[in-house]
PDB file of N, CA and C in Angstrom:
ATOM      1  N   MET A   1     -22.706 -21.283   7.509  1.00  0.00           N
ATOM      2  CA  MET A   1     -21.263 -21.425   7.472  1.00  0.00           C
ATOM      3  C   MET A   1     -20.720 -21.076   6.093  1.00  0.00           C
ATOM      4  N   LYS A   2     -21.379 -21.591   5.035  1.00  0.00           N
ATOM      5  CA  LYS A   2     -20.912 -21.313   3.689  1.00  0.00           C
ATOM      6  C   LYS A   2     -21.080 -19.843   3.326  1.00  0.00           C
ATOM      7  N   ALA A   3     -22.141 -19.209   3.836  1.00  0.00           N
ATOM      8  CA  ALA A   3     -22.356 -17.790   3.564  1.00  0.00           C
ATOM      9  C   ALA A   3     -21.239 -16.952   4.176  1.00  0.00           C
ATOM     10  N   THR A   4     -20.797 -17.324   5.373  1.00  0.00           N
ATOM     11  CA  THR A   4     -19.709 -16.607   6.027  1.00  0.00           C
ATOM     12  C   THR A   4     -18.407 -16.788   5.247  1.00  0.00           C
ATOM     13  N   ALA A   5     -18.150 -17.996   4.813  1.00  0.00           N
ATOM     14  CA  ALA A   5     -16.932 -18.262   4.042  1.00  0.00           C
ATOM     15  C   ALA A   5     -16.960 -17.520   2.708  1.00  0.00           C
ATOM     16  N   ALA A   6     -18.120 -17.504   2.053  1.00  0.00           N
ATOM     17  CA  ALA A   6     -18.237 -16.797   0.780  1.00  0.00           C
ATOM     18  C   ALA A   6     -18.056 -15.296   0.981  1.00  0.00           C
ATOM     19  N   GLY A   7     -18.617 -14.762   2.062  1.00  0.00           N
ATOM     20  CA  GLY A   7     -18.461 -13.334   2.354  1.00  0.00           C
ATOM     21  C   GLY A   7     -17.020 -12.978   2.653  1.00  0.00           C
ATOM     22  N   THR A   8     -16.348 -13.845   3.386  1.00  0.00           N
ATOM     23  CA  THR A   8     -14.941 -13.618   3.704  1.00  0.00           C
ATOM     24  C   THR A   8     -14.088 -13.678   2.447  1.00  0.00           C
ATOM     25  N   LEU A   9     -14.349 -14.645   1.601  1.00  0.00           N
ATOM     26  CA  LEU A   9     -13.606 -14.764   0.346  1.00  0.00           C
ATOM     27  C   LEU A   9     -13.840 -13.550  -0.540  1.00  0.00           C
ATOM     28  N   ARG A  10     -15.080 -13.111  -0.628  1.00  0.00           N
ATOM     29  CA  ARG A  10     -15.417 -11.926  -1.429  1.00  0.00           C
ATOM     30  C   ARG A  10     -14.686 -10.699  -0.897  1.00  0.00           C
ATOM     31  N   ALA A  11     -14.705 -10.509   0.424  1.00  0.00           N
ATOM     32  CA  ALA A  11     -14.014  -9.370   1.038  1.00  0.00           C
ATOM     33  C   ALA A  11     -12.509  -9.441   0.768  1.00  0.00           C
ATOM     34  N   PHE A  12     -11.942 -10.636   0.864  1.00  0.00           N
ATOM     35  CA  PHE A  12     -10.517 -10.813   0.604  1.00  0.00           C
ATOM     36  C   PHE A  12     -10.169 -10.464  -0.840  1.00  0.00           C
ATOM     37  N   LEU A  13     -10.974 -10.932  -1.782  1.00  0.00           N
ATOM     38  CA  LEU A  13     -10.699 -10.650  -3.196  1.00  0.00           C
ATOM     39  C   LEU A  13     -10.824  -9.162  -3.508  1.00  0.00           C
ATOM     40  N   ILE A  14     -11.832  -8.517  -2.924  1.00  0.00           N
ATOM     41  CA  ILE A  14     -11.978  -7.070  -3.134  1.00  0.00           C
ATOM     42  C   ILE A  14     -10.776  -6.340  -2.557  1.00  0.00           C
ATOM     43  N   GLU A  15     -10.379  -6.724  -1.358  1.00  0.00           N
ATOM     44  CA  GLU A  15      -9.233  -6.079  -0.724  1.00  0.00           C
ATOM     45  C   GLU A  15      -7.963  -6.328  -1.522  1.00  0.00           C
ATOM     46  N   LEU A  16      -7.803  -7.504  -2.057  1.00  0.00           N
ATOM     47  CA  LEU A  16      -6.634  -7.831  -2.866  1.00  0.00           C
ATOM     48  C   LEU A  16      -6.565  -6.960  -4.121  1.00  0.00           C
ATOM     49  N   VAL A  17      -7.680  -6.802  -4.793  1.00  0.00           N
ATOM     50  CA  VAL A  17      -7.720  -5.981  -6.007  1.00  0.00           C
ATOM     51  C   VAL A  17      -7.434  -4.520  -5.681  1.00  0.00           C
ATOM     52  N   VAL A  18      -8.092  -4.006  -4.631  1.00  0.00           N
ATOM     53  CA  VAL A  18      -7.894  -2.605  -4.246  1.00  0.00           C
ATOM     54  C   VAL A  18      -6.450  -2.371  -3.814  1.00  0.00           C
ATOM     55  N   TYR A  19      -5.926  -3.247  -2.985  1.00  0.00           N
ATOM     56  CA  TYR A  19      -4.559  -3.100  -2.495  1.00  0.00           C
ATOM     57  C   TYR A  19      -3.559  -3.180  -3.650  1.00  0.00           C
ATOM     58  N   SER A  20      -3.779  -4.088  -4.581  1.00  0.00           N
ATOM     59  CA  SER A  20      -2.879  -4.211  -5.735  1.00  0.00           C
ATOM     60  C   SER A  20      -2.879  -2.940  -6.570  1.00  0.00           C
ATOM     61  N   ALA A  21      -4.057  -2.395  -6.803  1.00  0.00           N
ATOM     62  CA  ALA A  21      -4.148  -1.152  -7.579  1.00  0.00           C
ATOM     63  C   ALA A  21      -3.436  -0.007  -6.864  1.00  0.00           C
ATOM     64  N   LEU A  22      -3.598   0.071  -5.554  1.00  0.00           N
ATOM     65  CA  LEU A  22      -2.938   1.133  -4.793  1.00  0.00           C
ATOM     66  C   LEU A  22      -1.419   0.964  -4.777  1.00  0.00           C
ATOM     67  N   VAL A  23      -0.937  -0.253  -4.685  1.00  0.00           N
ATOM     68  CA  VAL A  23       0.508  -0.499  -4.712  1.00  0.00           C
ATOM     69  C   VAL A  23       1.098  -0.095  -6.061  1.00  0.00           C
ATOM     70  N   VAL A  24       0.431  -0.447  -7.129  1.00  0.00           N
ATOM     71  CA  VAL A  24       0.912  -0.082  -8.467  1.00  0.00           C
ATOM     72  C   VAL A  24       0.908   1.436  -8.632  1.00  0.00           C
ATOM     73  N   ALA A  25      -0.168   2.097  -8.192  1.00  0.00           N
ATOM     74  CA  ALA A  25      -0.242   3.558  -8.284  1.00  0.00           C
ATOM     75  C   ALA A  25       0.867   4.205  -7.455  1.00  0.00           C
ATOM     76  N   TYR A  26       1.071   3.705  -6.246  1.00  0.00           N
ATOM     77  CA  TYR A  26       2.126   4.236  -5.383  1.00  0.00           C
ATOM     78  C   TYR A  26       3.501   4.064  -6.039  1.00  0.00           C
ATOM     79  N   PHE A  27       3.739   2.899  -6.603  1.00  0.00           N
ATOM     80  CA  PHE A  27       5.021   2.629  -7.258  1.00  0.00           C
ATOM     81  C   PHE A  27       5.294   3.638  -8.371  1.00  0.00           C
ATOM     82  N   PHE A  28       4.291   3.861  -9.228  1.00  0.00           N
ATOM     83  CA  PHE A  28       4.504   4.780 -10.343  1.00  0.00           C
ATOM     84  C   PHE A  28       4.594   6.233  -9.887  1.00  0.00           C
ATOM     85  N   LEU A  29       3.900   6.603  -8.831  1.00  0.00           N
ATOM     86  CA  LEU A  29       4.025   7.959  -8.296  1.00  0.00           C
ATOM     87  C   LEU A  29       5.419   8.196  -7.729  1.00  0.00           C
ATOM     88  N   VAL A  30       5.916   7.251  -6.951  1.00  0.00           N
ATOM     89  CA  VAL A  30       7.271   7.381  -6.403  1.00  0.00           C
ATOM     90  C   VAL A  30       8.284   7.367  -7.530  1.00  0.00           C
ATOM     91  N   LEU A  31       8.111   6.492  -8.478  1.00  0.00           N
ATOM     92  CA  LEU A  31       9.021   6.412  -9.618  1.00  0.00           C
ATOM     93  C   LEU A  31       9.028   7.724 -10.394  1.00  0.00           C
ATOM     94  N   HIS A  32       7.865   8.302 -10.609  1.00  0.00           N
ATOM     95  CA  HIS A  32       7.753   9.535 -11.380  1.00  0.00           C
ATOM     96  C   HIS A  32       8.345  10.732 -10.635  1.00  0.00           C
ATOM     97  N   PHE A  33       8.011  10.873  -9.355  1.00  0.00           N
ATOM     98  CA  PHE A  33       8.386  12.081  -8.629  1.00  0.00           C
ATOM     99  C   PHE A  33       9.723  11.986  -7.884  1.00  0.00           C
ATOM    100  N   LEU A  34      10.149  10.808  -7.498  1.00  0.00           N
ATOM    101  CA  LEU A  34      11.338  10.688  -6.659  1.00  0.00           C
ATOM    102  C   LEU A  34      12.502   9.932  -7.283  1.00  0.00           C
ATOM    103  N   ALA A  35      12.340   9.389  -8.464  1.00  0.00           N
ATOM    104  CA  ALA A  35      13.388   8.536  -9.046  1.00  0.00           C
ATOM    105  C   ALA A  35      14.707   9.277  -9.228  1.00  0.00           C
ATOM    106  N   GLU A  36      14.671  10.474  -9.790  1.00  0.00           N
ATOM    107  CA  GLU A  36      15.916  11.211 -10.025  1.00  0.00           C
ATOM    108  C   GLU A  36      16.601  11.565  -8.711  1.00  0.00           C
ATOM    109  N   TRP A  37      15.819  12.016  -7.739  1.00  0.00           N
ATOM    110  CA  TRP A  37      16.395  12.402  -6.450  1.00  0.00           C
ATOM    111  C   TRP A  37      17.010  11.195  -5.738  1.00  0.00           C
ATOM    112  N   ILE A  38      16.317  10.070  -5.772  1.00  0.00           N
ATOM    113  CA  ILE A  38      16.833   8.869  -5.114  1.00  0.00           C
ATOM    114  C   ILE A  38      18.077   8.355  -5.829  1.00  0.00           C
ATOM    115  N   ASN A  39      18.079   8.391  -7.155  1.00  0.00           N
ATOM    116  CA  ASN A  39      19.266   7.959  -7.905  1.00  0.00           C
ATOM    117  C   ASN A  39      20.453   8.873  -7.644  1.00  0.00           C
ATOM    118  N   ALA A  40      20.216  10.165  -7.493  1.00  0.00           N
ATOM    119  CA  ALA A  40      21.311  11.094  -7.197  1.00  0.00           C
ATOM    120  C   ALA A  40      21.802  10.926  -5.765  1.00  0.00           C
ATOM    121  N   LEU A  41      20.922  10.536  -4.871  1.00  0.00           N
ATOM    122  CA  LEU A  41      21.273  10.391  -3.466  1.00  0.00           C
ATOM    123  C   LEU A  41      22.131   9.151  -3.215  1.00  0.00           C
ATOM    124  N   GLU A  42      21.891   8.100  -3.944  1.00  0.00           N
ATOM    125  CA  GLU A  42      22.535   6.807  -3.686  1.00  0.00           C
ATOM    126  C   GLU A  42      24.061   6.843  -3.743  1.00  0.00           C
ATOM    127  N   PRO A  43      24.693   7.397  -4.768  1.00  0.00           N
ATOM    128  CA  PRO A  43      26.163   7.326  -4.789  1.00  0.00           C
ATOM    129  C   PRO A  43      26.853   8.262  -3.786  1.00  0.00           C
ATOM    130  N   ARG A  44      26.172   9.349  -3.400  1.00  0.00           N
ATOM    131  CA  ARG A  44      26.808  10.343  -2.524  1.00  0.00           C
ATOM    132  C   ARG A  44      26.551  10.104  -1.041  1.00  0.00           C
ATOM    133  N   HIS A  45      25.355   9.676  -0.695  1.00  0.00           N
ATOM    134  CA  HIS A  45      24.968   9.544   0.714  1.00  0.00           C
ATOM    135  C   HIS A  45      24.253   8.203   0.896  1.00  0.00           C
ATOM    136  N   ILE A  46      25.013   7.152   0.977  1.00  0.00           N
ATOM    137  CA  ILE A  46      24.447   5.803   1.002  1.00  0.00           C
ATOM    138  C   ILE A  46      23.597   5.552   2.252  1.00  0.00           C
ATOM    139  N   LYS A  47      23.989   6.120   3.388  1.00  0.00           N
ATOM    140  CA  LYS A  47      23.218   5.906   4.615  1.00  0.00           C
ATOM    141  C   LYS A  47      21.869   6.634   4.553  1.00  0.00           C
ATOM    142  N   ILE A  48      21.884   7.842   4.033  1.00  0.00           N
ATOM    143  CA  ILE A  48      20.624   8.581   3.874  1.00  0.00           C
ATOM    144  C   ILE A  48      19.742   7.890   2.843  1.00  0.00           C
ATOM    145  N   TYR A  49      20.359   7.391   1.787  1.00  0.00           N
ATOM    146  CA  TYR A  49      19.625   6.641   0.767  1.00  0.00           C
ATOM    147  C   TYR A  49      18.934   5.423   1.387  1.00  0.00           C
ATOM    148  N   ALA A  50      19.647   4.714   2.241  1.00  0.00           N
ATOM    149  CA  ALA A  50      19.070   3.541   2.904  1.00  0.00           C
ATOM    150  C   ALA A  50      17.914   3.939   3.814  1.00  0.00           C
ATOM    151  N   LEU A  51      18.088   5.010   4.581  1.00  0.00           N
ATOM    152  CA  LEU A  51      17.025   5.481   5.461  1.00  0.00           C
ATOM    153  C   LEU A  51      15.793   5.928   4.674  1.00  0.00           C
ATOM    154  N   VAL A  52      16.000   6.633   3.576  1.00  0.00           N
ATOM    155  CA  VAL A  52      14.887   7.079   2.737  1.00  0.00           C
ATOM    156  C   VAL A  52      14.167   5.872   2.140  1.00  0.00           C
ATOM    157  N   SER A  53      14.913   4.900   1.696  1.00  0.00           N
ATOM    158  CA  SER A  53      14.303   3.698   1.113  1.00  0.00           C
ATOM    159  C   SER A  53      13.451   2.949   2.133  1.00  0.00           C
ATOM    160  N   VAL A  54      13.979   2.777   3.332  1.00  0.00           N
ATOM    161  CA  VAL A  54      13.226   2.094   4.383  1.00  0.00           C
ATOM    162  C   VAL A  54      12.002   2.914   4.783  1.00  0.00           C
ATOM    163  N   ALA A  55      12.165   4.234   4.888  1.00  0.00           N
ATOM    164  CA  ALA A  55      11.033   5.102   5.231  1.00  0.00           C
ATOM    165  C   ALA A  55       9.938   5.038   4.167  1.00  0.00           C
ATOM    166  N   LEU A  56      10.318   4.972   2.907  1.00  0.00           N
ATOM    167  CA  LEU A  56       9.318   4.833   1.840  1.00  0.00           C
ATOM    168  C   LEU A  56       8.575   3.507   1.940  1.00  0.00           C
ATOM    169  N   MET A  57       9.279   2.445   2.258  1.00  0.00           N
ATOM    170  CA  MET A  57       8.625   1.137   2.399  1.00  0.00           C
ATOM    171  C   MET A  57       7.672   1.108   3.592  1.00  0.00           C
ATOM    172  N   ILE A  58       8.129   1.639   4.718  1.00  0.00           N
ATOM    173  CA  ILE A  58       7.278   1.669   5.907  1.00  0.00           C
ATOM    174  C   ILE A  58       6.091   2.591   5.686  1.00  0.00           C
ATOM    175  N   GLY A  59       6.354   3.745   5.090  1.00  0.00           N
ATOM    176  CA  GLY A  59       5.276   4.682   4.788  1.00  0.00           C
ATOM    177  C   GLY A  59       4.241   4.082   3.861  1.00  0.00           C
ATOM    178  N   GLN A  60       4.703   3.358   2.864  1.00  0.00           N
ATOM    179  CA  GLN A  60       3.786   2.689   1.943  1.00  0.00           C
ATOM    180  C   GLN A  60       2.924   1.685   2.686  1.00  0.00           C
ATOM    181  N   ALA A  61       3.537   0.893   3.526  1.00  0.00           N
ATOM    182  CA  ALA A  61       2.779  -0.126   4.262  1.00  0.00           C
ATOM    183  C   ALA A  61       1.715   0.506   5.149  1.00  0.00           C
ATOM    184  N   ILE A  62       2.083   1.539   5.882  1.00  0.00           N
ATOM    185  CA  ILE A  62       1.135   2.191   6.789  1.00  0.00           C
ATOM    186  C   ILE A  62       0.025   2.882   6.013  1.00  0.00           C
ATOM    187  N   LEU A  63       0.393   3.661   5.015  1.00  0.00           N
ATOM    188  CA  LEU A  63      -0.601   4.400   4.233  1.00  0.00           C
ATOM    189  C   LEU A  63      -1.573   3.471   3.520  1.00  0.00           C
ATOM    190  N   LEU A  64      -1.055   2.450   2.875  1.00  0.00           N
ATOM    191  CA  LEU A  64      -1.929   1.533   2.145  1.00  0.00           C
ATOM    192  C   LEU A  64      -2.801   0.708   3.079  1.00  0.00           C
ATOM    193  N   GLU A  65      -2.303   0.382   4.255  1.00  0.00           N
ATOM    194  CA  GLU A  65      -3.124  -0.342   5.222  1.00  0.00           C
ATOM    195  C   GLU A  65      -4.273   0.529   5.713  1.00  0.00           C
ATOM    196  N   ILE A  66      -3.994   1.797   5.978  1.00  0.00           N
ATOM    197  CA  ILE A  66      -5.041   2.729   6.411  1.00  0.00           C
ATOM    198  C   ILE A  66      -6.094   2.899   5.321  1.00  0.00           C
ATOM    199  N   VAL A  67      -5.651   3.117   4.096  1.00  0.00           N
ATOM    200  CA  VAL A  67      -6.590   3.320   2.990  1.00  0.00           C
ATOM    201  C   VAL A  67      -7.412   2.055   2.741  1.00  0.00           C
ATOM    202  N   THR A  68      -6.762   0.910   2.705  1.00  0.00           N
ATOM    203  CA  THR A  68      -7.464  -0.343   2.456  1.00  0.00           C
ATOM    204  C   THR A  68      -8.463  -0.649   3.563  1.00  0.00           C
ATOM    205  N   THR A  69      -8.062  -0.447   4.806  1.00  0.00           N
ATOM    206  CA  THR A  69      -8.969  -0.703   5.931  1.00  0.00           C
ATOM    207  C   THR A  69     -10.184   0.207   5.876  1.00  0.00           C
ATOM    208  N   SER A  70      -9.974   1.478   5.595  1.00  0.00           N
ATOM    209  CA  SER A  70     -11.117   2.392   5.527  1.00  0.00           C
ATOM    210  C   SER A  70     -12.035   2.057   4.357  1.00  0.00           C
ATOM    211  N   LEU A  71     -11.478   1.660   3.234  1.00  0.00           N
ATOM    212  CA  LEU A  71     -12.309   1.254   2.097  1.00  0.00           C
ATOM    213  C   LEU A  71     -13.117   0.003   2.406  1.00  0.00           C
ATOM    214  N   MET A  72     -12.486  -0.953   3.057  1.00  0.00           N
ATOM    215  CA  MET A  72     -13.190  -2.189   3.389  1.00  0.00           C
ATOM    216  C   MET A  72     -14.295  -1.933   4.409  1.00  0.00           C
ATOM    217  N   ARG A  73     -14.068  -1.044   5.355  1.00  0.00           N
ATOM    218  CA  ARG A  73     -15.123  -0.709   6.320  1.00  0.00           C
ATOM    219  C   ARG A  73     -16.315  -0.072   5.623  1.00  0.00           C
ATOM    220  N   ARG A  74     -16.044   0.783   4.653  1.00  0.00           N
ATOM    221  CA  ARG A  74     -17.146   1.409   3.904  1.00  0.00           C
ATOM    222  C   ARG A  74     -17.901   0.373   3.069  1.00  0.00           C
ATOM    223  N   LEU A  75     -17.171  -0.554   2.452  1.00  0.00           N
ATOM    224  CA  LEU A  75     -17.814  -1.572   1.643  1.00  0.00           C
ATOM    225  C   LEU A  75     -18.639  -2.547   2.486  1.00  0.00           C
ATOM    226  N   GLN A  76     -18.215  -2.782   3.727  1.00  0.00           N
ATOM    227  CA  GLN A  76     -18.903  -3.738   4.582  1.00  0.00           C
ATOM    228  C   GLN A  76     -19.921  -3.062   5.496  1.00  0.00           C
ATOM    229  N   GLY A  77     -20.178  -1.793   5.293  1.00  0.00           N
ATOM    230  CA  GLY A  77     -21.183  -1.118   6.073  1.00  0.00           C
ATOM    231  C   GLY A  77     -20.762  -0.780   7.494  1.00  0.00           C
ATOM    232  N   GLY A  78     -19.492  -0.533   7.719  1.00  0.00           N
ATOM    233  CA  GLY A  78     -19.015  -0.118   9.015  1.00  0.00           C
ATOM    234  C   GLY A  78     -18.496  -1.200   9.920  1.00  0.00           C
ATOM    235  N   ARG A  79     -18.710  -2.440   9.589  1.00  0.00           N
ATOM    236  CA  ARG A  79     -18.206  -3.516  10.456  1.00  0.00           C
ATOM    237  C   ARG A  79     -16.816  -3.933  10.007  1.00  0.00           C
ATOM    238  N   SER A  80     -16.013  -4.361  10.927  1.00  0.00           N
ATOM    239  CA  SER A  80     -14.657  -4.799  10.636  1.00  0.00           C
ATOM    240  C   SER A  80     -14.519  -6.268  11.025  1.00  0.00           C
ATOM    241  N   GLU A  81     -13.886  -7.063  10.174  1.00  0.00           N
ATOM    242  CA  GLU A  81     -13.704  -8.488  10.463  1.00  0.00           C
ATOM    243  C   GLU A  81     -12.347  -8.735  11.050  1.00  0.00           C
TER     244      GLU A  81
END
């Protein structure tokens, strides 16, 4: 029982570190490449700005979940918890 709990905790901590690093990298990439365009879009086309913002958030969630899941499967030898 303790081995299972320790393994789960270890997997969670690894996933937390990997996910945090990916979120920070994603944030700086979007900030670097899209900041000017998004700032220019906001005052002129508020509805498009809102749609782009929501799409970026949803895209981030989906992309990071896919990457994190695939990394965790590789680290755990192909099994998924």
